[in-house]
Protein backbone atom coordinates (compact mmCIF):
# COMPACT_ATOMS: atom_id res chain seq x y z
CA UNK A 1 -30.41 26.12 -40.29
CA UNK A 2 -32.94 23.36 -39.12
CA UNK A 3 -30.06 20.79 -39.72
CA UNK A 4 -27.81 22.69 -37.37
CA UNK A 5 -30.44 22.95 -34.71
CA UNK A 6 -31.44 19.02 -35.08
CA UNK A 7 -27.76 18.23 -34.97
CA UNK A 8 -27.44 20.19 -31.64
CA UNK A 9 -30.31 18.53 -30.03
CA UNK A 10 -29.21 15.05 -31.13
CA UNK A 11 -25.62 15.98 -29.72
CA UNK A 12 -27.08 17.09 -26.31
CA UNK A 13 -29.23 13.98 -25.90
CA UNK A 14 -26.25 11.82 -26.79
CA UNK A 15 -24.11 13.52 -24.25
CA UNK A 16 -26.84 13.35 -21.40
CA UNK A 17 -28.60 9.93 -22.15
CA UNK A 18 -26.20 7.59 -23.90
CA UNK A 19 -22.62 8.71 -22.84
CA UNK A 20 -21.46 7.06 -19.48
CA UNK A 21 -19.08 9.49 -17.76
CA UNK A 22 -16.32 8.25 -15.60
CA UNK A 23 -16.79 8.41 -11.71
CA UNK A 24 -14.69 10.76 -9.77
CA UNK A 25 -12.41 7.96 -8.34
CA UNK A 26 -11.96 6.41 -12.08
CA UNK A 27 -11.01 10.08 -13.32
CA UNK A 28 -8.47 10.54 -10.56
CA UNK A 29 -6.99 6.93 -11.33
CA UNK A 30 -6.74 7.78 -15.05
CA UNK A 31 -5.29 11.11 -14.30
CA UNK A 32 -2.61 9.65 -11.96
CA UNK A 33 -1.57 6.95 -14.70
CA UNK A 34 -1.08 9.76 -17.22
CA UNK A 35 0.98 11.61 -14.76
CA UNK A 36 3.22 8.89 -14.05
CA UNK A 37 3.64 7.99 -17.58
CA UNK A 38 4.50 11.66 -18.57
CA UNK A 39 7.05 11.80 -15.87
CA UNK A 40 8.83 8.39 -16.85
CA UNK A 41 8.69 9.73 -20.60
CA UNK A 42 10.21 12.99 -19.49
CA UNK A 43 12.82 11.31 -17.60
CA UNK A 44 13.78 9.01 -20.51
CA UNK A 45 14.18 12.02 -22.64
CA UNK A 46 16.06 13.81 -20.20
CA UNK A 47 18.36 10.86 -19.84
CA UNK A 48 18.87 10.61 -23.52
CA UNK A 49 19.61 14.36 -23.77
CA UNK A 50 22.28 14.25 -21.40
CA UNK A 51 23.72 11.50 -22.97
CA UNK A 52 24.01 12.78 -26.31
CA UNK A 53 24.94 16.12 -24.73
CA UNK A 54 27.88 14.27 -23.01
CA UNK A 55 28.78 12.51 -26.11
CA UNK A 56 29.15 15.61 -28.35
CA UNK A 57 30.83 17.29 -25.55
CA UNK A 58 33.62 14.72 -25.45
CA UNK A 59 33.63 14.41 -29.26
CA UNK A 60 34.08 18.14 -29.71
CA UNK A 61 36.70 18.28 -26.89
CA UNK A 62 38.71 15.46 -28.61
CA UNK A 63 38.77 17.43 -31.82
CA UNK A 64 40.18 20.70 -30.08
């Protein structure tokens, strides 16, 4: 049990004294970057899905 207590104490000290947390503006900038990247990737996947959907639609239509 002493090892667990020591681990928690050391973790707390590490988080409060040694970790450099981002500023609010850095955090907002990073969040916007992630949001833009997620939207771009979602649009790419949407485009691929639509293209393959149309391709399969025309393929199955030509078989009938």
